Structure formats: C-alpha cells, structure tokens
Amino acid sequence: MTDIFFTLQQSLYNALAASAEVTALLGSPPRLYDHVPPGAVFPYAVFGATHITPYDNRTDTGFDHLLTIDIWSRYRGSKEAKDIVTALYDTLHRASLPLAGQTALLCECHSAEVALENDGFTTHAAVRFNILTQDD
C-alpha cells in the first residue's frame, strides 16, 4: 500500500509541473514540496495531509484518497493564494493521472479554503482533491 502514496504524489507533481498556469505562479520547476527546504521562496505549495480509505468488492480493489495541497503566500492580500488555488483546480480537477500498478478513476477538487495566518501577512490556502484509484 505504501507505494500508492508516493506514486500518486509523483503523478500529481508531474501534472502540476507540466502546467504553464502553475509554473507561472510557482516557478519552473514548481516550488511544490514534500518537505519545505530552509529559506524557501514564497509562494510555495506543500503536499499535506493524505487520508486513504481502502475499498474492496467482488472484482476490484483500490483506494479512495483525500489529499491536501497547502499553499503559502506572503503577497499582501489573498489574490496570489487564490490564483494558485485556481491553477491547481484547473490542472487537476478531472485530470487523467498516470499511475504504475493502479488506474486513477477519478480526480476531483473536494474543497478549498483561504485564510490569513495569525502573523497578519502570511496567507495559507488548502486545496483538497478526492482521487479514486483501482488496482490494475
């Protein structure tokens, strides 16, 4: 089961790195991290919480993923973070994701939120995607 975590994250990264809309906002290659390096330049995004529910029926097995991508911005106001949310949505909502050993049956935006952090100048956005995969 652990391979699907990384395989899915890698597929999402590749889709986002291939998006001109995403790279215009997060750079090329995009500042999309699994672990934020010291001194990371804003804005950037981070693969956040992942919740996976296995499912089985008589003929198929797979996983229902709820994956969060967190966005961090120091732009004055929320426009930059909202633009990045839009770029992630435009790239991943109903995207076809290649996966080794699995088939992505569904990739849809589940929700998004944007909020100002307590420091008064950092904006945090969280975009959640629901991804349904099936074993090949």
Protein backbone atom coordinates (compact mmCIF):
# COMPACT_ATOMS: atom_id res chain seq x y z
CA MET A 1 0.00 0.00 0.00
CA THR A 2 2.82 2.47 0.70
CA ASP A 3 3.83 2.65 -2.97
CA ILE A 4 0.49 4.22 -3.92
CA PHE A 5 1.19 7.20 -1.62
CA PHE A 6 4.39 8.12 -3.44
CA THR A 7 3.20 7.05 -6.90
CA LEU A 8 0.14 9.29 -6.65
CA GLN A 9 2.15 12.22 -5.28
CA GLN A 10 4.67 11.85 -8.11
CA SER A 11 1.88 11.78 -10.71
CA LEU A 12 0.31 14.91 -9.23
CA TYR A 13 3.67 16.68 -9.18
CA ASN A 14 4.32 15.78 -12.83
CA ALA A 15 0.89 17.08 -13.88
CA LEU A 16 1.43 20.34 -11.99
CA ALA A 17 4.99 20.76 -13.30
CA ALA A 18 3.67 20.42 -16.86
CA SER A 19 1.10 23.18 -16.34
CA ALA A 20 2.06 26.62 -17.67
CA GLU A 21 -0.55 28.14 -15.33
CA VAL A 22 1.07 26.52 -12.28
CA THR A 23 4.67 27.23 -13.27
CA ALA A 24 3.81 30.88 -13.95
CA LEU A 25 2.85 31.17 -10.27
CA LEU A 26 5.16 28.66 -8.53
CA GLY A 27 8.19 28.70 -10.83
CA SER A 28 9.74 26.06 -13.04
CA PRO A 29 10.20 23.53 -11.63
CA PRO A 30 7.34 24.46 -9.33
CA ARG A 31 8.01 25.20 -5.69
CA LEU A 32 5.87 22.24 -4.68
CA TYR A 33 7.46 20.37 -1.82
CA ASP A 34 7.12 17.20 0.18
CA HIS A 35 9.30 18.89 2.81
CA VAL A 36 9.87 22.65 2.71
CA PRO A 37 13.59 23.46 2.46
CA PRO A 38 15.09 26.14 4.72
CA GLY A 39 14.76 29.58 3.17
CA ALA A 40 12.09 28.53 0.67
CA VAL A 41 10.92 31.38 -1.55
CA PHE A 42 7.25 32.39 -1.29
CA PRO A 43 4.82 31.49 -2.71
CA TYR A 44 5.16 27.75 -2.49
CA ALA A 45 2.96 24.69 -2.10
CA VAL A 46 3.36 21.57 0.02
CA PHE A 47 1.88 18.11 -0.22
CA GLY A 48 -0.07 17.99 3.02
CA ALA A 49 -2.33 15.56 4.78
CA THR A 50 -3.45 12.45 2.96
CA HIS A 51 -6.32 10.26 4.06
CA ILE A 52 -6.72 6.92 2.31
CA THR A 53 -9.63 4.52 2.63
CA PRO A 54 -9.16 1.09 1.04
CA TYR A 55 -12.14 -0.39 -0.74
CA ASP A 56 -12.83 -3.90 -1.99
CA ASN A 57 -15.68 -5.51 -3.82
CA ARG A 58 -16.04 -8.87 -5.53
CA THR A 59 -13.94 -7.90 -8.54
CA ASP A 60 -11.92 -4.79 -7.67
CA THR A 61 -9.65 -3.36 -5.01
CA GLY A 62 -8.39 0.16 -4.71
CA PHE A 63 -8.20 3.29 -2.61
CA ASP A 64 -10.20 6.43 -2.04
CA HIS A 65 -7.69 9.26 -1.40
CA LEU A 66 -8.37 12.66 0.11
CA LEU A 67 -5.17 14.61 -0.49
CA THR A 68 -4.43 18.18 0.59
CA ILE A 69 -2.06 20.60 -1.10
CA ASP A 70 -1.21 23.55 1.16
CA ILE A 71 -0.25 26.90 -0.35
CA TRP A 72 1.75 29.58 1.47
CA SER A 73 1.95 33.17 0.26
CA ARG A 74 3.29 36.45 1.65
CA TYR A 75 1.64 38.58 -1.02
CA ARG A 76 -0.33 41.46 0.51
CA GLY A 77 -3.90 40.22 0.34
CA SER A 78 -5.19 36.84 -0.78
CA LYS A 79 -5.07 37.23 -4.58
CA GLU A 80 -1.85 35.28 -5.12
CA ALA A 81 -3.03 32.34 -3.00
CA LYS A 82 -6.41 32.34 -4.75
CA ASP A 83 -4.71 32.41 -8.16
CA ILE A 84 -2.65 29.36 -7.15
CA VAL A 85 -5.78 27.57 -5.89
CA THR A 86 -7.36 28.25 -9.29
CA ALA A 87 -4.29 26.95 -11.15
CA LEU A 88 -4.28 23.73 -9.09
CA TYR A 89 -8.00 23.29 -9.71
CA ASP A 90 -7.67 23.96 -13.45
CA THR A 91 -4.83 21.44 -13.71
CA LEU A 92 -6.06 18.60 -11.52
CA HIS A 93 -9.88 18.69 -11.47
CA ARG A 94 -10.97 15.77 -13.66
CA ALA A 95 -7.39 15.19 -14.77
CA SER A 96 -6.21 11.86 -16.11
CA LEU A 97 -3.36 10.73 -13.86
CA PRO A 98 -0.94 8.00 -14.95
CA LEU A 99 -0.11 5.59 -12.12
CA ALA A 100 2.09 2.49 -12.07
CA GLY A 101 0.08 -0.52 -10.89
CA GLN A 102 -3.11 1.49 -10.42
CA THR A 103 -5.68 3.27 -12.55
CA ALA A 104 -6.92 6.68 -11.48
CA LEU A 105 -10.67 6.50 -11.97
CA LEU A 106 -11.44 9.97 -10.63
CA CYS A 107 -9.61 13.14 -9.64
CA GLU A 108 -11.86 15.95 -8.45
CA CYS A 109 -11.45 19.01 -6.30
CA HIS A 110 -13.18 18.30 -2.99
CA SER A 111 -12.79 21.72 -1.35
CA ALA A 112 -10.58 24.77 -0.96
CA GLU A 113 -10.11 27.37 1.72
CA VAL A 114 -8.02 30.52 2.00
CA ALA A 115 -7.23 32.26 5.30
CA LEU A 116 -4.87 34.86 6.71
CA GLU A 117 -2.50 33.42 9.31
CA ASN A 118 -2.13 34.90 12.81
CA ASP A 119 1.06 36.76 11.81
CA GLY A 120 -1.14 39.10 9.76
CA PHE A 121 0.73 38.78 6.47
CA THR A 122 1.03 35.09 5.53
CA THR A 123 -1.88 33.61 3.62
CA HIS A 124 -2.50 29.87 3.85
CA ALA A 125 -4.70 28.08 1.37
CA ALA A 126 -5.60 24.39 1.40
CA VAL A 127 -6.95 22.58 -1.65
CA ARG A 128 -8.28 19.05 -1.20
CA PHE A 129 -8.59 16.55 -4.01
CA ASN A 130 -10.56 13.32 -3.94
CA ILE A 131 -8.83 10.68 -6.04
CA LEU A 132 -10.20 7.20 -6.58
CA THR A 133 -7.70 4.56 -7.70
CA GLN A 134 -8.16 0.92 -8.62
CA ASP A 135 -5.56 -1.83 -8.69
CA ASP A 136 -4.62 -2.99 -12.18
